[in-house]
Amino acid sequence: RRPSSATDRRMELGDLTRAMGDFRRKGRWKEAVSALDDMWLKGLKPDAVAYSAALGACQRSHHWSCAVSLLGAMRHRSVEAD
């Protein structure tokens, strides 16, 4: 289900990004990548903070190929890294 208003979308994006921060801290890379996919499916545009959390989860769990794929996705989707 897509959020109905711009405010709802910002709130949902913030909630998912915060959850991704938790995934990063715990090295839960699959959940972090899944959350990124969910953002796109819901019409939300993950920002550099969201991608950074997913990259951090990949790093923490030593899934380097996933991190490289995420960097490629960022470039493809024109998400600028901080």
PDB file of N, CA and C in Angstrom:
ATOM      1  N   ARG A   1       0.850  -1.178   0.000  1.00  0.00           N
ATOM      2  CA  ARG A   1       0.000   0.000   0.000  1.00  0.00           C
ATOM      3  C   ARG A   1       0.885   1.226   0.000  1.00  0.00           C
ATOM      4  N   ARG A   2       0.544   2.182  -0.863  1.00  0.00           N
ATOM      5  CA  ARG A   2       1.304   3.425  -0.944  1.00  0.00           C
ATOM      6  C   ARG A   2       0.767   4.425   0.068  1.00  0.00           C
ATOM      7  N   PRO A   3       1.670   5.156   0.735  1.00  0.00           N
ATOM      8  CA  PRO A   3       1.214   6.215   1.643  1.00  0.00           C
ATOM      9  C   PRO A   3       0.407   7.245   0.860  1.00  0.00           C
ATOM     10  N   SER A   4      -0.610   7.836   1.494  1.00  0.00           N
ATOM     11  CA  SER A   4      -1.550   8.685   0.779  1.00  0.00           C
ATOM     12  C   SER A   4      -1.120  10.132   0.631  1.00  0.00           C
ATOM     13  N   SER A   5      -0.314  10.644   1.502  1.00  0.00           N
ATOM     14  CA  SER A   5       0.074  12.047   1.401  1.00  0.00           C
ATOM     15  C   SER A   5       1.583  12.171   1.519  1.00  0.00           C
ATOM     16  N   ALA A   6       2.074  13.353   1.167  1.00  0.00           N
ATOM     17  CA  ALA A   6       3.515  13.604   1.267  1.00  0.00           C
ATOM     18  C   ALA A   6       3.989  13.435   2.709  1.00  0.00           C
ATOM     19  N   THR A   7       3.173  13.872   3.651  1.00  0.00           N
ATOM     20  CA  THR A   7       3.541  13.730   5.064  1.00  0.00           C
ATOM     21  C   THR A   7       3.613  12.258   5.454  1.00  0.00           C
ATOM     22  N   ASP A   8       2.625  11.473   5.017  1.00  0.00           N
ATOM     23  CA  ASP A   8       2.634  10.032   5.296  1.00  0.00           C
ATOM     24  C   ASP A   8       3.866   9.367   4.694  1.00  0.00           C
ATOM     25  N   ARG A   9       4.221   9.765   3.468  1.00  0.00           N
ATOM     26  CA  ARG A   9       5.395   9.183   2.808  1.00  0.00           C
ATOM     27  C   ARG A   9       6.670   9.515   3.571  1.00  0.00           C
ATOM     28  N   ARG A  10       6.804  10.765   4.017  1.00  0.00           N
ATOM     29  CA  ARG A  10       7.995  11.158   4.790  1.00  0.00           C
ATOM     30  C   ARG A  10       8.066  10.382   6.098  1.00  0.00           C
ATOM     31  N   MET A  11       6.918  10.220   6.755  1.00  0.00           N
ATOM     32  CA  MET A  11       6.898   9.484   8.024  1.00  0.00           C
ATOM     33  C   MET A  11       7.279   8.023   7.802  1.00  0.00           C
ATOM     34  N   GLU A  12       6.723   7.407   6.763  1.00  0.00           N
ATOM     35  CA  GLU A  12       7.032   6.007   6.499  1.00  0.00           C
ATOM     36  C   GLU A  12       8.497   5.841   6.094  1.00  0.00           C
ATOM     37  N   LEU A  13       9.003   6.753   5.282  1.00  0.00           N
ATOM     38  CA  LEU A  13      10.412   6.707   4.896  1.00  0.00           C
ATOM     39  C   LEU A  13      11.297   6.829   6.135  1.00  0.00           C
ATOM     40  N   GLY A  14      10.949   7.734   7.039  1.00  0.00           N
ATOM     41  CA  GLY A  14      11.701   7.895   8.282  1.00  0.00           C
ATOM     42  C   GLY A  14      11.660   6.646   9.142  1.00  0.00           C
ATOM     43  N   ASP A  15      10.480   6.031   9.246  1.00  0.00           N
ATOM     44  CA  ASP A  15      10.345   4.803  10.041  1.00  0.00           C
ATOM     45  C   ASP A  15      11.199   3.677   9.468  1.00  0.00           C
ATOM     46  N   LEU A  16      11.144   3.512   8.153  1.00  0.00           N
ATOM     47  CA  LEU A  16      11.929   2.451   7.522  1.00  0.00           C
ATOM     48  C   LEU A  16      13.425   2.727   7.640  1.00  0.00           C
ATOM     49  N   THR A  17      13.816   3.985   7.510  1.00  0.00           N
ATOM     50  CA  THR A  17      15.232   4.338   7.626  1.00  0.00           C
ATOM     51  C   THR A  17      15.735   4.070   9.044  1.00  0.00           C
ATOM     52  N   ARG A  18      14.921   4.387  10.046  1.00  0.00           N
ATOM     53  CA  ARG A  18      15.304   4.091  11.436  1.00  0.00           C
ATOM     54  C   ARG A  18      15.440   2.580  11.654  1.00  0.00           C
ATOM     55  N   ALA A  19      14.520   1.823  11.095  1.00  0.00           N
ATOM     56  CA  ALA A  19      14.613   0.358  11.208  1.00  0.00           C
ATOM     57  C   ALA A  19      15.895  -0.135  10.547  1.00  0.00           C
ATOM     58  N   MET A  20      16.245   0.476   9.432  1.00  0.00           N
ATOM     59  CA  MET A  20      17.467   0.080   8.741  1.00  0.00           C
ATOM     60  C   MET A  20      18.702   0.383   9.579  1.00  0.00           C
ATOM     61  N   GLY A  21      18.659   1.446  10.361  1.00  0.00           N
ATOM     62  CA  GLY A  21      19.764   1.741  11.272  1.00  0.00           C
ATOM     63  C   GLY A  21      19.951   0.610  12.272  1.00  0.00           C
ATOM     64  N   ASP A  22      18.850   0.052  12.738  1.00  0.00           N
ATOM     65  CA  ASP A  22      18.915  -1.092  13.649  1.00  0.00           C
ATOM     66  C   ASP A  22      19.485  -2.313  12.926  1.00  0.00           C
ATOM     67  N   PHE A  23      19.051  -2.529  11.692  1.00  0.00           N
ATOM     68  CA  PHE A  23      19.595  -3.641  10.906  1.00  0.00           C
ATOM     69  C   PHE A  23      21.102  -3.474  10.723  1.00  0.00           C
ATOM     70  N   ARG A  24      21.543  -2.243  10.486  1.00  0.00           N
ATOM     71  CA  ARG A  24      22.974  -1.970  10.313  1.00  0.00           C
ATOM     72  C   ARG A  24      23.739  -2.349  11.575  1.00  0.00           C
ATOM     73  N   ARG A  25      23.252  -1.877  12.711  1.00  0.00           N
ATOM     74  CA  ARG A  25      23.938  -2.155  13.980  1.00  0.00           C
ATOM     75  C   ARG A  25      24.052  -3.652  14.258  1.00  0.00           C
ATOM     76  N   LYS A  26      23.054  -4.407  13.822  1.00  0.00           N
ATOM     77  CA  LYS A  26      23.031  -5.850  14.086  1.00  0.00           C
ATOM     78  C   LYS A  26      23.584  -6.681  12.929  1.00  0.00           C
ATOM     79  N   GLY A  27      24.002  -6.017  11.839  1.00  0.00           N
ATOM     80  CA  GLY A  27      24.540  -6.741  10.687  1.00  0.00           C
ATOM     81  C   GLY A  27      23.501  -7.557   9.945  1.00  0.00           C
ATOM     82  N   ARG A  28      22.259  -7.134  10.025  1.00  0.00           N
ATOM     83  CA  ARG A  28      21.158  -7.865   9.382  1.00  0.00           C
ATOM     84  C   ARG A  28      20.982  -7.356   7.956  1.00  0.00           C
ATOM     85  N   TRP A  29      21.910  -7.745   7.088  1.00  0.00           N
ATOM     86  CA  TRP A  29      21.964  -7.209   5.736  1.00  0.00           C
ATOM     87  C   TRP A  29      20.753  -7.592   4.891  1.00  0.00           C
ATOM     88  N   LYS A  30      20.223  -8.801   5.041  1.00  0.00           N
ATOM     89  CA  LYS A  30      19.067  -9.210   4.237  1.00  0.00           C
ATOM     90  C   LYS A  30      17.862  -8.325   4.539  1.00  0.00           C
ATOM     91  N   GLU A  31      17.635  -8.044   5.816  1.00  0.00           N
ATOM     92  CA  GLU A  31      16.512  -7.193   6.200  1.00  0.00           C
ATOM     93  C   GLU A  31      16.712  -5.766   5.699  1.00  0.00           C
ATOM     94  N   ALA A  32      17.948  -5.282   5.744  1.00  0.00           N
ATOM     95  CA  ALA A  32      18.234  -3.923   5.276  1.00  0.00           C
ATOM     96  C   ALA A  32      17.969  -3.796   3.780  1.00  0.00           C
ATOM     97  N   VAL A  33      18.428  -4.768   3.013  1.00  0.00           N
ATOM     98  CA  VAL A  33      18.200  -4.741   1.562  1.00  0.00           C
ATOM     99  C   VAL A  33      16.710  -4.889   1.266  1.00  0.00           C
ATOM    100  N   SER A  34      16.036  -5.732   2.005  1.00  0.00           N
ATOM    101  CA  SER A  34      14.593  -5.905   1.832  1.00  0.00           C
ATOM    102  C   SER A  34      13.843  -4.603   2.125  1.00  0.00           C
ATOM    103  N   ALA A  35      14.277  -3.881   3.154  1.00  0.00           N
ATOM    104  CA  ALA A  35      13.643  -2.601   3.481  1.00  0.00           C
ATOM    105  C   ALA A  35      13.838  -1.599   2.346  1.00  0.00           C
ATOM    106  N   LEU A  36      15.028  -1.591   1.725  1.00  0.00           N
ATOM    107  CA  LEU A  36      15.244  -0.714   0.565  1.00  0.00           C
ATOM    108  C   LEU A  36      14.276  -1.078  -0.554  1.00  0.00           C
ATOM    109  N   ASP A  37      14.151  -2.363  -0.837  1.00  0.00           N
ATOM    110  CA  ASP A  37      13.219  -2.813  -1.873  1.00  0.00           C
ATOM    111  C   ASP A  37      11.791  -2.392  -1.543  1.00  0.00           C
ATOM    112  N   ASP A  38      11.401  -2.540  -0.269  1.00  0.00           N
ATOM    113  CA  ASP A  38      10.057  -2.134   0.155  1.00  0.00           C
ATOM    114  C   ASP A  38       9.826  -0.646  -0.087  1.00  0.00           C
ATOM    115  N   MET A  39      10.855   0.163   0.182  1.00  0.00           N
ATOM    116  CA  MET A  39      10.722   1.605  -0.047  1.00  0.00           C
ATOM    117  C   MET A  39      10.383   1.880  -1.501  1.00  0.00           C
ATOM    118  N   TRP A  40      11.143   1.269  -2.413  1.00  0.00           N
ATOM    119  CA  TRP A  40      10.889   1.494  -3.836  1.00  0.00           C
ATOM    120  C   TRP A  40       9.503   0.991  -4.234  1.00  0.00           C
ATOM    121  N   LEU A  41       9.102  -0.182  -3.730  1.00  0.00           N
ATOM    122  CA  LEU A  41       7.794  -0.744  -4.069  1.00  0.00           C
ATOM    123  C   LEU A  41       6.644   0.129  -3.574  1.00  0.00           C
ATOM    124  N   LYS A  42       6.870   0.849  -2.478  1.00  0.00           N
ATOM    125  CA  LYS A  42       5.840   1.725  -1.914  1.00  0.00           C
ATOM    126  C   LYS A  42       5.874   3.123  -2.514  1.00  0.00           C
ATOM    127  N   GLY A  43       6.741   3.331  -3.503  1.00  0.00           N
ATOM    128  CA  GLY A  43       6.814   4.644  -4.134  1.00  0.00           C
ATOM    129  C   GLY A  43       7.633   5.648  -3.352  1.00  0.00           C
ATOM    130  N   LEU A  44       8.412   5.163  -2.393  1.00  0.00           N
ATOM    131  CA  LEU A  44       9.285   6.032  -1.608  1.00  0.00           C
ATOM    132  C   LEU A  44      10.667   6.012  -2.248  1.00  0.00           C
ATOM    133  N   LYS A  45      11.399   7.101  -2.149  1.00  0.00           N
ATOM    134  CA  LYS A  45      12.744   7.136  -2.718  1.00  0.00           C
ATOM    135  C   LYS A  45      13.763   7.117  -1.582  1.00  0.00           C
ATOM    136  N   PRO A  46      14.419   5.973  -1.387  1.00  0.00           N
ATOM    137  CA  PRO A  46      15.439   5.906  -0.346  1.00  0.00           C
ATOM    138  C   PRO A  46      16.548   6.922  -0.619  1.00  0.00           C
ATOM    139  N   ASP A  47      17.002   7.570   0.441  1.00  0.00           N
ATOM    140  CA  ASP A  47      18.062   8.565   0.296  1.00  0.00           C
ATOM    141  C   ASP A  47      19.407   7.957   0.678  1.00  0.00           C
ATOM    142  N   ALA A  48      20.432   8.799   0.693  1.00  0.00           N
ATOM    143  CA  ALA A  48      21.784   8.334   1.016  1.00  0.00           C
ATOM    144  C   ALA A  48      21.847   7.740   2.418  1.00  0.00           C
ATOM    145  N   VAL A  49      21.046   8.255   3.347  1.00  0.00           N
ATOM    146  CA  VAL A  49      21.039   7.728   4.720  1.00  0.00           C
ATOM    147  C   VAL A  49      20.540   6.282   4.725  1.00  0.00           C
ATOM    148  N   ALA A  50      19.482   6.025   3.985  1.00  0.00           N
ATOM    149  CA  ALA A  50      18.939   4.663   3.914  1.00  0.00           C
ATOM    150  C   ALA A  50      19.947   3.715   3.273  1.00  0.00           C
ATOM    151  N   TYR A  51      20.539   4.156   2.169  1.00  0.00           N
ATOM    152  CA  TYR A  51      21.541   3.312   1.514  1.00  0.00           C
ATOM    153  C   TYR A  51      22.756   3.105   2.410  1.00  0.00           C
ATOM    154  N   SER A  52      23.143   4.127   3.135  1.00  0.00           N
ATOM    155  CA  SER A  52      24.286   4.013   4.041  1.00  0.00           C
ATOM    156  C   SER A  52      24.021   2.964   5.121  1.00  0.00           C
ATOM    157  N   ALA A  53      22.798   2.926   5.625  1.00  0.00           N
ATOM    158  CA  ALA A  53      22.446   1.919   6.629  1.00  0.00           C
ATOM    159  C   ALA A  53      22.542   0.516   6.037  1.00  0.00           C
ATOM    160  N   ALA A  54      22.036   0.350   4.823  1.00  0.00           N
ATOM    161  CA  ALA A  54      22.117  -0.961   4.171  1.00  0.00           C
ATOM    162  C   ALA A  54      23.570  -1.344   3.897  1.00  0.00           C
ATOM    163  N   LEU A  55      24.356  -0.380   3.435  1.00  0.00           N
ATOM    164  CA  LEU A  55      25.778  -0.642   3.193  1.00  0.00           C
ATOM    165  C   LEU A  55      26.488  -1.019   4.491  1.00  0.00           C
ATOM    166  N   GLY A  56      26.139  -0.338   5.574  1.00  0.00           N
ATOM    167  CA  GLY A  56      26.737  -0.647   6.871  1.00  0.00           C
ATOM    168  C   GLY A  56      26.397  -2.053   7.339  1.00  0.00           C
ATOM    169  N   ALA A  57      25.164  -2.482   7.077  1.00  0.00           N
ATOM    170  CA  ALA A  57      24.768  -3.846   7.444  1.00  0.00           C
ATOM    171  C   ALA A  57      25.564  -4.864   6.639  1.00  0.00           C
ATOM    172  N   CYS A  58      25.765  -4.571   5.356  1.00  0.00           N
ATOM    173  CA  CYS A  58      26.570  -5.469   4.518  1.00  0.00           C
ATOM    174  C   CYS A  58      28.008  -5.519   5.017  1.00  0.00           C
ATOM    175  N   GLN A  59      28.536  -4.366   5.368  1.00  0.00           N
ATOM    176  CA  GLN A  59      29.910  -4.300   5.858  1.00  0.00           C
ATOM    177  C   GLN A  59      30.055  -5.079   7.165  1.00  0.00           C
ATOM    178  N   ARG A  60      29.133  -4.853   8.066  1.00  0.00           N
ATOM    179  CA  ARG A  60      29.205  -5.490   9.386  1.00  0.00           C
ATOM    180  C   ARG A  60      29.152  -7.014   9.277  1.00  0.00           C
ATOM    181  N   SER A  61      28.427  -7.509   8.272  1.00  0.00           N
ATOM    182  CA  SER A  61      28.292  -8.958   8.104  1.00  0.00           C
ATOM    183  C   SER A  61      29.218  -9.507   7.012  1.00  0.00           C
ATOM    184  N   HIS A  62      30.101  -8.650   6.500  1.00  0.00           N
ATOM    185  CA  HIS A  62      31.111  -9.039   5.506  1.00  0.00           C
ATOM    186  C   HIS A  62      30.507  -9.548   4.200  1.00  0.00           C
ATOM    187  N   HIS A  63      29.392  -8.970   3.781  1.00  0.00           N
ATOM    188  CA  HIS A  63      28.771  -9.305   2.499  1.00  0.00           C
ATOM    189  C   HIS A  63      29.149  -8.225   1.482  1.00  0.00           C
ATOM    190  N   TRP A  64      30.380  -8.312   1.021  1.00  0.00           N
ATOM    191  CA  TRP A  64      30.936  -7.260   0.161  1.00  0.00           C
ATOM    192  C   TRP A  64      30.269  -7.216  -1.202  1.00  0.00           C
ATOM    193  N   SER A  65      29.893  -8.358  -1.758  1.00  0.00           N
ATOM    194  CA  SER A  65      29.255  -8.347  -3.076  1.00  0.00           C
ATOM    195  C   SER A  65      27.913  -7.618  -3.011  1.00  0.00           C
ATOM    196  N   CYS A  66      27.221  -7.754  -1.903  1.00  0.00           N
ATOM    197  CA  CYS A  66      25.962  -7.031  -1.712  1.00  0.00           C
ATOM    198  C   CYS A  66      26.224  -5.530  -1.648  1.00  0.00           C
ATOM    199  N   ALA A  67      27.278  -5.138  -0.935  1.00  0.00           N
ATOM    200  CA  ALA A  67      27.623  -3.717  -0.830  1.00  0.00           C
ATOM    201  C   ALA A  67      27.946  -3.138  -2.199  1.00  0.00           C
ATOM    202  N   VAL A  68      28.703  -3.881  -3.000  1.00  0.00           N
ATOM    203  CA  VAL A  68      29.042  -3.412  -4.349  1.00  0.00           C
ATOM    204  C   VAL A  68      27.775  -3.268  -5.186  1.00  0.00           C
ATOM    205  N   SER A  69      26.852  -4.209  -5.064  1.00  0.00           N
ATOM    206  CA  SER A  69      25.576  -4.124  -5.791  1.00  0.00           C
ATOM    207  C   SER A  69      24.776  -2.898  -5.369  1.00  0.00           C
ATOM    208  N   LEU A  70      24.767  -2.616  -4.069  1.00  0.00           N
ATOM    209  CA  LEU A  70      24.044  -1.436  -3.582  1.00  0.00           C
ATOM    210  C   LEU A  70      24.658  -0.151  -4.121  1.00  0.00           C
ATOM    211  N   LEU A  71      25.980  -0.093  -4.182  1.00  0.00           N
ATOM    212  CA  LEU A  71      26.632   1.095  -4.745  1.00  0.00           C
ATOM    213  C   LEU A  71      26.243   1.272  -6.208  1.00  0.00           C
ATOM    214  N   GLY A  72      26.164   0.175  -6.945  1.00  0.00           N
ATOM    215  CA  GLY A  72      25.713   0.240  -8.334  1.00  0.00           C
ATOM    216  C   GLY A  72      24.271   0.709  -8.437  1.00  0.00           C
ATOM    217  N   ALA A  73      23.421   0.228  -7.533  1.00  0.00           N
ATOM    218  CA  ALA A  73      22.014   0.648  -7.526  1.00  0.00           C
ATOM    219  C   ALA A  73      21.896   2.133  -7.218  1.00  0.00           C
ATOM    220  N   MET A  74      22.722   2.614  -6.296  1.00  0.00           N
ATOM    221  CA  MET A  74      22.705   4.051  -5.977  1.00  0.00           C
ATOM    222  C   MET A  74      23.051   4.865  -7.219  1.00  0.00           C
ATOM    223  N   ARG A  75      24.076   4.442  -7.920  1.00  0.00           N
ATOM    224  CA  ARG A  75      24.497   5.154  -9.129  1.00  0.00           C
ATOM    225  C   ARG A  75      23.384   5.107 -10.176  1.00  0.00           C
ATOM    226  N   HIS A  76      22.803   3.916 -10.374  1.00  0.00           N
ATOM    227  CA  HIS A  76      21.747   3.734 -11.368  1.00  0.00           C
ATOM    228  C   HIS A  76      20.518   4.590 -11.054  1.00  0.00           C
ATOM    229  N   ARG A  77      20.208   4.731  -9.777  1.00  0.00           N
ATOM    230  CA  ARG A  77      19.013   5.480  -9.363  1.00  0.00           C
ATOM    231  C   ARG A  77      19.321   6.925  -8.997  1.00  0.00           C
ATOM    232  N   SER A  78      20.549   7.350  -9.277  1.00  0.00           N
ATOM    233  CA  SER A  78      20.979   8.743  -9.049  1.00  0.00           C
ATOM    234  C   SER A  78      20.846   9.174  -7.593  1.00  0.00           C
ATOM    235  N   VAL A  79      21.169   8.262  -6.680  1.00  0.00           N
ATOM    236  CA  VAL A  79      21.201   8.605  -5.259  1.00  0.00           C
ATOM    237  C   VAL A  79      22.628   9.025  -4.955  1.00  0.00           C
ATOM    238  N   GLU A  80      22.805  10.276  -4.547  1.00  0.00           N
ATOM    239  CA  GLU A  80      24.144  10.785  -4.280  1.00  0.00           C
ATOM    240  C   GLU A  80      24.594  10.386  -2.887  1.00  0.00           C
ATOM    241  N   ALA A  81      25.804   9.831  -2.823  1.00  0.00           N
ATOM    242  CA  ALA A  81      26.386   9.469  -1.532  1.00  0.00           C
ATOM    243  C   ALA A  81      26.821  10.729  -0.803  1.00  0.00           C
ATOM    244  N   ASP A  82      26.760  10.676   0.517  1.00  0.00           N
ATOM    245  CA  ASP A  82      27.218  11.814   1.327  1.00  0.00           C
ATOM    246  C   ASP A  82      28.720  11.870   1.350  1.00  0.00           C
TER     247      ASP A  82
END
